[in-house]
Amino acid sequence: MKKYIGCDLGGTNLRAAIVDVENGTVLHQMSIPTLAREGHASVMKRMAGLFLQIIEVTGMQKKDIGGIGIGVPGVLDLEKGETLFLPNLPGTWPHVPLRDTITEHTGLPTTLLNDVRSITHGEWRFGAGRGVDTVAVFAIGTGIGGGLVINGQLHLGIGGTGGELGHMTIDYNGPTCGCGNKGCLEAYASGPAIAAMGMKAVAQ
């Protein structure tokens, strides 16, 4: 069975690992700073270099790798393989051809998926959700990301945006969320929202 490279495109770090997708075993992993302020072209070049480096370090060859999967923190055009809006990276990456650029630099087929949908699939296949048909994942940090597996299938919805659980409205009269809606779960239960409520309680 061929091994695959998985990558987390983070605002602070680029993390890559060679994984056996049969059992989820991580064979080797590496991390480098994203240096996102240098712009998307520079980040993609560094990312491709990281992939080639991890193959070399492990003593493998390109033919041993079945492909690359990148978890991306934002909205994607899955058909075109482009980033559309990455709110936590400078410049927000509108219409950046990430998939084709990485394929061109590495010679390996590349696939993109939202980072929390990637987490959801991983937990369902190999982690806390293994053996069940339906899973909901909440990733709580600066925002609240989400993902759904329904009846044994990762639910992507229109354009891969299915499962944005942080943007369920729980109070129509609630505070305005960063997405523009009012009373989203993210406006109450994200890291910054919890900190803000703590500060308010202390002040009172």
C-alpha atoms as a PDB file:
ATOM      1  CA  MET A   1       0.000   0.000   0.000  1.00  0.00           C
ATOM      2  CA  LYS A   2       1.327   3.424  -0.955  1.00  0.00           C
ATOM      3  CA  LYS A   3       1.900   6.021   1.707  1.00  0.00           C
ATOM      4  CA  TYR A   4       0.450   9.521   1.493  1.00  0.00           C
ATOM      5  CA  ILE A   5       1.562  12.941   2.703  1.00  0.00           C
ATOM      6  CA  GLY A   6      -0.884  14.904   4.827  1.00  0.00           C
ATOM      7  CA  CYS A   7      -0.351  18.597   5.508  1.00  0.00           C
ATOM      8  CA  ASP A   8      -1.920  21.137   7.840  1.00  0.00           C
ATOM      9  CA  LEU A   9      -1.664  24.652   6.414  1.00  0.00           C
ATOM     10  CA  GLY A  10      -1.668  26.671   9.630  1.00  0.00           C
ATOM     11  CA  GLY A  11      -1.359  30.384  10.157  1.00  0.00           C
ATOM     12  CA  THR A  12       1.770  29.791  12.252  1.00  0.00           C
ATOM     13  CA  ASN A  13       3.187  26.437  11.105  1.00  0.00           C
ATOM     14  CA  LEU A  14       3.167  24.102   8.120  1.00  0.00           C
ATOM     15  CA  ARG A  15       2.963  20.548   9.452  1.00  0.00           C
ATOM     16  CA  ALA A  16       3.466  17.566   7.170  1.00  0.00           C
ATOM     17  CA  ALA A  17       3.446  13.828   7.818  1.00  0.00           C
ATOM     18  CA  ILE A  18       3.826  10.648   5.837  1.00  0.00           C
ATOM     19  CA  VAL A  19       0.904   8.415   6.763  1.00  0.00           C
ATOM     20  CA  ASP A  20      -0.108   4.812   6.142  1.00  0.00           C
ATOM     21  CA  VAL A  21      -3.770   5.347   5.226  1.00  0.00           C
ATOM     22  CA  GLU A  22      -4.636   1.703   5.860  1.00  0.00           C
ATOM     23  CA  ASN A  23      -4.274   2.053   9.630  1.00  0.00           C
ATOM     24  CA  GLY A  24      -3.642   5.773  10.210  1.00  0.00           C
ATOM     25  CA  THR A  25      -0.056   5.272  11.408  1.00  0.00           C
ATOM     26  CA  VAL A  26       2.081   8.407  11.168  1.00  0.00           C
ATOM     27  CA  LEU A  27       5.461   7.231   9.868  1.00  0.00           C
ATOM     28  CA  HIS A  28       7.298  10.559   9.999  1.00  0.00           C
ATOM     29  CA  GLN A  29       6.360  14.181  10.593  1.00  0.00           C
ATOM     30  CA  MET A  30       7.986  17.579  10.193  1.00  0.00           C
ATOM     31  CA  SER A  31       7.020  21.172  10.890  1.00  0.00           C
ATOM     32  CA  ILE A  32       8.318  24.530   9.667  1.00  0.00           C
ATOM     33  CA  PRO A  33       7.083  28.103  10.213  1.00  0.00           C
ATOM     34  CA  THR A  34       4.457  29.197   7.667  1.00  0.00           C
ATOM     35  CA  LEU A  35       5.830  32.768   7.412  1.00  0.00           C
ATOM     36  CA  ALA A  36       2.417  33.690   6.007  1.00  0.00           C
ATOM     37  CA  ARG A  37       3.258  37.400   5.814  1.00  0.00           C
ATOM     38  CA  GLU A  38       5.625  36.657   2.925  1.00  0.00           C
ATOM     39  CA  GLY A  39       2.576  35.954   0.732  1.00  0.00           C
ATOM     40  CA  HIS A  40       0.936  32.909  -0.793  1.00  0.00           C
ATOM     41  CA  ALA A  41       3.535  32.292  -3.516  1.00  0.00           C
ATOM     42  CA  SER A  42       6.310  32.047  -0.928  1.00  0.00           C
ATOM     43  CA  VAL A  43       4.223  29.836   1.374  1.00  0.00           C
ATOM     44  CA  MET A  44       3.397  27.415  -1.459  1.00  0.00           C
ATOM     45  CA  LYS A  45       7.065  27.186  -2.434  1.00  0.00           C
ATOM     46  CA  ARG A  46       8.040  26.440   1.178  1.00  0.00           C
ATOM     47  CA  MET A  47       5.251  23.872   1.430  1.00  0.00           C
ATOM     48  CA  ALA A  48       6.401  22.035  -1.700  1.00  0.00           C
ATOM     49  CA  GLY A  49       9.972  22.071  -0.377  1.00  0.00           C
ATOM     50  CA  LEU A  50       8.763  20.571   2.910  1.00  0.00           C
ATOM     51  CA  PHE A  51       7.046  17.718   1.060  1.00  0.00           C
ATOM     52  CA  LEU A  52      10.149  16.906  -0.977  1.00  0.00           C
ATOM     53  CA  GLN A  53      12.298  17.141   2.158  1.00  0.00           C
ATOM     54  CA  ILE A  54      10.145  14.727   4.178  1.00  0.00           C
ATOM     55  CA  ILE A  55      10.320  12.172   1.366  1.00  0.00           C
ATOM     56  CA  GLU A  56      14.108  12.526   1.236  1.00  0.00           C
ATOM     57  CA  VAL A  57      14.584  12.357   5.036  1.00  0.00           C
ATOM     58  CA  THR A  58      12.636   9.101   5.276  1.00  0.00           C
ATOM     59  CA  GLY A  59      14.664   7.494   2.491  1.00  0.00           C
ATOM     60  CA  MET A  60      11.587   7.054   0.311  1.00  0.00           C
ATOM     61  CA  GLN A  61      11.169   7.975  -3.320  1.00  0.00           C
ATOM     62  CA  LYS A  62       8.371   9.901  -4.998  1.00  0.00           C
ATOM     63  CA  LYS A  63       6.996   6.691  -6.471  1.00  0.00           C
ATOM     64  CA  ASP A  64       6.392   5.414  -2.914  1.00  0.00           C
ATOM     65  CA  ILE A  65       3.967   8.296  -2.258  1.00  0.00           C
ATOM     66  CA  GLY A  66       0.408   8.025  -3.563  1.00  0.00           C
ATOM     67  CA  GLY A  67      -0.367  11.716  -3.277  1.00  0.00           C
ATOM     68  CA  ILE A  68      -0.646  14.768  -1.042  1.00  0.00           C
ATOM     69  CA  GLY A  69      -3.645  15.959   0.971  1.00  0.00           C
ATOM     70  CA  ILE A  70      -3.713  19.499   2.370  1.00  0.00           C
ATOM     71  CA  GLY A  71      -6.050  20.632   5.162  1.00  0.00           C
ATOM     72  CA  VAL A  72      -6.815  24.301   4.509  1.00  0.00           C
ATOM     73  CA  PRO A  73      -8.281  26.749   7.085  1.00  0.00           C
ATOM     74  CA  GLY A  74     -10.991  28.385   5.026  1.00  0.00           C
ATOM     75  CA  VAL A  75     -13.281  28.272   2.005  1.00  0.00           C
ATOM     76  CA  LEU A  76     -12.180  26.367  -1.095  1.00  0.00           C
ATOM     77  CA  ASP A  77     -13.235  25.688  -4.665  1.00  0.00           C
ATOM     78  CA  LEU A  78     -12.788  21.928  -4.533  1.00  0.00           C
ATOM     79  CA  GLU A  79     -13.309  21.429  -8.284  1.00  0.00           C
ATOM     80  CA  LYS A  80     -10.696  23.989  -9.327  1.00  0.00           C
ATOM     81  CA  GLY A  81      -8.376  23.244  -6.398  1.00  0.00           C
ATOM     82  CA  GLU A  82      -8.257  26.915  -5.420  1.00  0.00           C
ATOM     83  CA  THR A  83      -8.409  28.713  -2.097  1.00  0.00           C
ATOM     84  CA  LEU A  84     -11.182  31.324  -2.000  1.00  0.00           C
ATOM     85  CA  PHE A  85     -11.027  32.859   1.469  1.00  0.00           C
ATOM     86  CA  LEU A  86      -8.574  32.025   4.257  1.00  0.00           C
ATOM     87  CA  PRO A  87      -9.528  34.542   6.968  1.00  0.00           C
ATOM     88  CA  ASN A  88      -6.538  33.889   9.235  1.00  0.00           C
ATOM     89  CA  LEU A  89      -3.803  34.238   6.596  1.00  0.00           C
ATOM     90  CA  PRO A  90      -2.574  37.622   5.351  1.00  0.00           C
ATOM     91  CA  GLY A  91      -4.126  38.538   2.005  1.00  0.00           C
ATOM     92  CA  THR A  92      -6.927  35.937   2.537  1.00  0.00           C
ATOM     93  CA  TRP A  93      -5.719  33.958  -0.549  1.00  0.00           C
ATOM     94  CA  PRO A  94      -8.517  34.729  -3.099  1.00  0.00           C
ATOM     95  CA  HIS A  95      -8.449  32.357  -6.113  1.00  0.00           C
ATOM     96  CA  VAL A  96      -4.979  30.969  -5.357  1.00  0.00           C
ATOM     97  CA  PRO A  97      -4.333  27.753  -7.376  1.00  0.00           C
ATOM     98  CA  LEU A  98      -2.913  25.820  -4.417  1.00  0.00           C
ATOM     99  CA  ARG A  99      -3.612  22.297  -5.719  1.00  0.00           C
ATOM    100  CA  ASP A 100      -2.063  22.777  -9.163  1.00  0.00           C
ATOM    101  CA  THR A 101       0.910  24.750  -7.812  1.00  0.00           C
ATOM    102  CA  ILE A 102       1.854  21.993  -5.358  1.00  0.00           C
ATOM    103  CA  THR A 103       1.369  19.311  -8.027  1.00  0.00           C
ATOM    104  CA  GLU A 104       3.611  21.293 -10.388  1.00  0.00           C
ATOM    105  CA  HIS A 105       6.365  21.754  -7.782  1.00  0.00           C
ATOM    106  CA  THR A 106       6.314  18.182  -6.448  1.00  0.00           C
ATOM    107  CA  GLY A 107       5.127  16.037  -9.339  1.00  0.00           C
ATOM    108  CA  LEU A 108       2.592  14.413  -6.979  1.00  0.00           C
ATOM    109  CA  PRO A 109      -1.217  14.495  -7.251  1.00  0.00           C
ATOM    110  CA  THR A 110      -2.632  16.863  -4.656  1.00  0.00           C
ATOM    111  CA  THR A 111      -6.064  17.251  -3.051  1.00  0.00           C
ATOM    112  CA  LEU A 112      -7.441  20.038  -0.862  1.00  0.00           C
ATOM    113  CA  LEU A 113     -10.036  19.864   1.913  1.00  0.00           C
ATOM    114  CA  ASN A 114     -11.097  22.244   4.668  1.00  0.00           C
ATOM    115  CA  ASP A 115      -8.949  21.550   7.740  1.00  0.00           C
ATOM    116  CA  VAL A 116     -11.788  20.664  10.110  1.00  0.00           C
ATOM    117  CA  ARG A 117     -13.473  18.423   7.521  1.00  0.00           C
ATOM    118  CA  SER A 118     -10.054  16.710   7.322  1.00  0.00           C
ATOM    119  CA  ILE A 119      -9.985  16.328  11.129  1.00  0.00           C
ATOM    120  CA  THR A 120     -13.528  14.945  11.032  1.00  0.00           C
ATOM    121  CA  HIS A 121     -12.629  12.308   8.461  1.00  0.00           C
ATOM    122  CA  GLY A 122      -9.514  11.335  10.425  1.00  0.00           C
ATOM    123  CA  GLU A 123     -11.403  10.961  13.703  1.00  0.00           C
ATOM    124  CA  TRP A 124     -14.094   8.905  11.993  1.00  0.00           C
ATOM    125  CA  ARG A 125     -11.596   6.587  10.275  1.00  0.00           C
ATOM    126  CA  PHE A 126      -8.964   6.224  12.983  1.00  0.00           C
ATOM    127  CA  GLY A 127      -9.937   8.094  16.161  1.00  0.00           C
ATOM    128  CA  ALA A 128     -12.832   8.847  18.496  1.00  0.00           C
ATOM    129  CA  GLY A 129     -15.469   8.231  15.816  1.00  0.00           C
ATOM    130  CA  ARG A 130     -14.205   4.854  14.622  1.00  0.00           C
ATOM    131  CA  GLY A 131     -16.933   2.237  14.255  1.00  0.00           C
ATOM    132  CA  VAL A 132     -19.933   4.585  14.224  1.00  0.00           C
ATOM    133  CA  ASP A 133     -22.050   5.795  11.282  1.00  0.00           C
ATOM    134  CA  THR A 134     -22.604   9.411  12.276  1.00  0.00           C
ATOM    135  CA  VAL A 135     -20.168  11.879  13.857  1.00  0.00           C
ATOM    136  CA  ALA A 136     -20.209  15.615  14.591  1.00  0.00           C
ATOM    137  CA  VAL A 137     -16.865  17.314  15.269  1.00  0.00           C
ATOM    138  CA  PHE A 138     -16.416  20.733  16.874  1.00  0.00           C
ATOM    139  CA  ALA A 139     -12.927  22.251  16.669  1.00  0.00           C
ATOM    140  CA  ILE A 140     -12.770  25.045  19.227  1.00  0.00           C
ATOM    141  CA  GLY A 141     -10.060  27.686  18.934  1.00  0.00           C
ATOM    142  CA  THR A 142      -9.982  31.233  17.579  1.00  0.00           C
ATOM    143  CA  GLY A 143     -13.245  30.246  15.895  1.00  0.00           C
ATOM    144  CA  ILE A 144     -15.342  27.095  15.968  1.00  0.00           C
ATOM    145  CA  GLY A 145     -14.894  24.815  12.986  1.00  0.00           C
ATOM    146  CA  GLY A 146     -17.034  21.784  12.362  1.00  0.00           C
ATOM    147  CA  GLY A 147     -17.493  18.651  10.347  1.00  0.00           C
ATOM    148  CA  LEU A 148     -20.080  15.906   9.896  1.00  0.00           C
ATOM    149  CA  VAL A 149     -20.051  12.261   8.911  1.00  0.00           C
ATOM    150  CA  ILE A 150     -23.614  11.130   8.136  1.00  0.00           C
ATOM    151  CA  ASN A 151     -24.488   7.482   7.471  1.00  0.00           C
ATOM    152  CA  GLY A 152     -20.865   6.552   6.927  1.00  0.00           C
ATOM    153  CA  GLN A 153     -20.013   9.394   4.534  1.00  0.00           C
ATOM    154  CA  LEU A 154     -18.158  12.668   5.056  1.00  0.00           C
ATOM    155  CA  HIS A 155     -20.750  15.389   4.441  1.00  0.00           C
ATOM    156  CA  LEU A 156     -19.286  18.194   2.332  1.00  0.00           C
ATOM    157  CA  GLY A 157     -22.398  20.056   1.184  1.00  0.00           C
ATOM    158  CA  ILE A 158     -22.223  22.776  -1.452  1.00  0.00           C
ATOM    159  CA  GLY A 159     -18.608  23.621  -2.274  1.00  0.00           C
ATOM    160  CA  GLY A 160     -17.314  21.673   0.728  1.00  0.00           C
ATOM    161  CA  THR A 161     -18.878  24.064   3.254  1.00  0.00           C
ATOM    162  CA  GLY A 162     -21.158  21.483   4.902  1.00  0.00           C
ATOM    163  CA  GLY A 163     -20.603  21.053   8.628  1.00  0.00           C
ATOM    164  CA  GLU A 164     -19.812  24.650   9.615  1.00  0.00           C
ATOM    165  CA  LEU A 165     -21.256  23.949  13.055  1.00  0.00           C
ATOM    166  CA  GLY A 166     -19.804  27.097  14.621  1.00  0.00           C
ATOM    167  CA  HIS A 167     -22.207  29.183  12.548  1.00  0.00           C
ATOM    168  CA  MET A 168     -25.463  27.708  13.787  1.00  0.00           C
ATOM    169  CA  THR A 169     -27.595  30.553  15.121  1.00  0.00           C
ATOM    170  CA  ILE A 170     -28.459  29.829  18.743  1.00  0.00           C
ATOM    171  CA  ASP A 171     -29.825  33.284  19.618  1.00  0.00           C
ATOM    172  CA  TYR A 172     -31.375  35.475  16.902  1.00  0.00           C
ATOM    173  CA  ASN A 173     -30.893  38.540  19.133  1.00  0.00           C
ATOM    174  CA  GLY A 174     -27.322  37.620  20.060  1.00  0.00           C
ATOM    175  CA  PRO A 175     -24.028  39.399  19.340  1.00  0.00           C
ATOM    176  CA  THR A 176     -22.799  39.822  15.770  1.00  0.00           C
ATOM    177  CA  CYS A 177     -20.435  37.041  14.696  1.00  0.00           C
ATOM    178  CA  GLY A 178     -17.367  37.522  12.500  1.00  0.00           C
ATOM    179  CA  CYS A 179     -19.319  35.879   9.653  1.00  0.00           C
ATOM    180  CA  GLY A 180     -21.909  38.677   9.760  1.00  0.00           C
ATOM    181  CA  ASN A 181     -24.780  36.678  11.274  1.00  0.00           C
ATOM    182  CA  LYS A 182     -26.141  37.270  14.770  1.00  0.00           C
ATOM    183  CA  GLY A 183     -25.956  34.852  17.679  1.00  0.00           C
ATOM    184  CA  CYS A 184     -23.774  32.128  16.159  1.00  0.00           C
ATOM    185  CA  LEU A 185     -22.375  29.471  18.473  1.00  0.00           C
ATOM    186  CA  GLU A 186     -18.914  30.856  17.632  1.00  0.00           C
ATOM    187  CA  ALA A 187     -19.904  34.233  19.096  1.00  0.00           C
ATOM    188  CA  TYR A 188     -20.468  32.516  22.466  1.00  0.00           C
ATOM    189  CA  ALA A 189     -18.129  29.541  22.732  1.00  0.00           C
ATOM    190  CA  SER A 190     -14.935  30.252  20.758  1.00  0.00           C
ATOM    191  CA  GLY A 191     -11.723  30.923  22.693  1.00  0.00           C
ATOM    192  CA  PRO A 192     -11.908  34.739  22.349  1.00  0.00           C
ATOM    193  CA  ALA A 193     -15.658  34.769  23.139  1.00  0.00           C
ATOM    194  CA  ILE A 194     -15.120  32.822  26.368  1.00  0.00           C
ATOM    195  CA  ALA A 195     -12.220  35.129  27.339  1.00  0.00           C
ATOM    196  CA  ALA A 196     -14.372  38.202  26.639  1.00  0.00           C
ATOM    197  CA  MET A 197     -17.191  36.850  28.805  1.00  0.00           C
ATOM    198  CA  GLY A 198     -14.685  36.180  31.601  1.00  0.00           C
ATOM    199  CA  MET A 199     -13.395  39.759  31.399  1.00  0.00           C
ATOM    200  CA  LYS A 200     -16.962  41.085  31.475  1.00  0.00           C
ATOM    201  CA  ALA A 201     -17.765  38.983  34.568  1.00  0.00           C
ATOM    202  CA  VAL A 202     -14.631  40.219  36.348  1.00  0.00           C
ATOM    203  CA  ALA A 203     -15.460  43.836  35.478  1.00  0.00           C
ATOM    204  CA  GLN A 204     -18.978  43.438  36.858  1.00  0.00           C
END
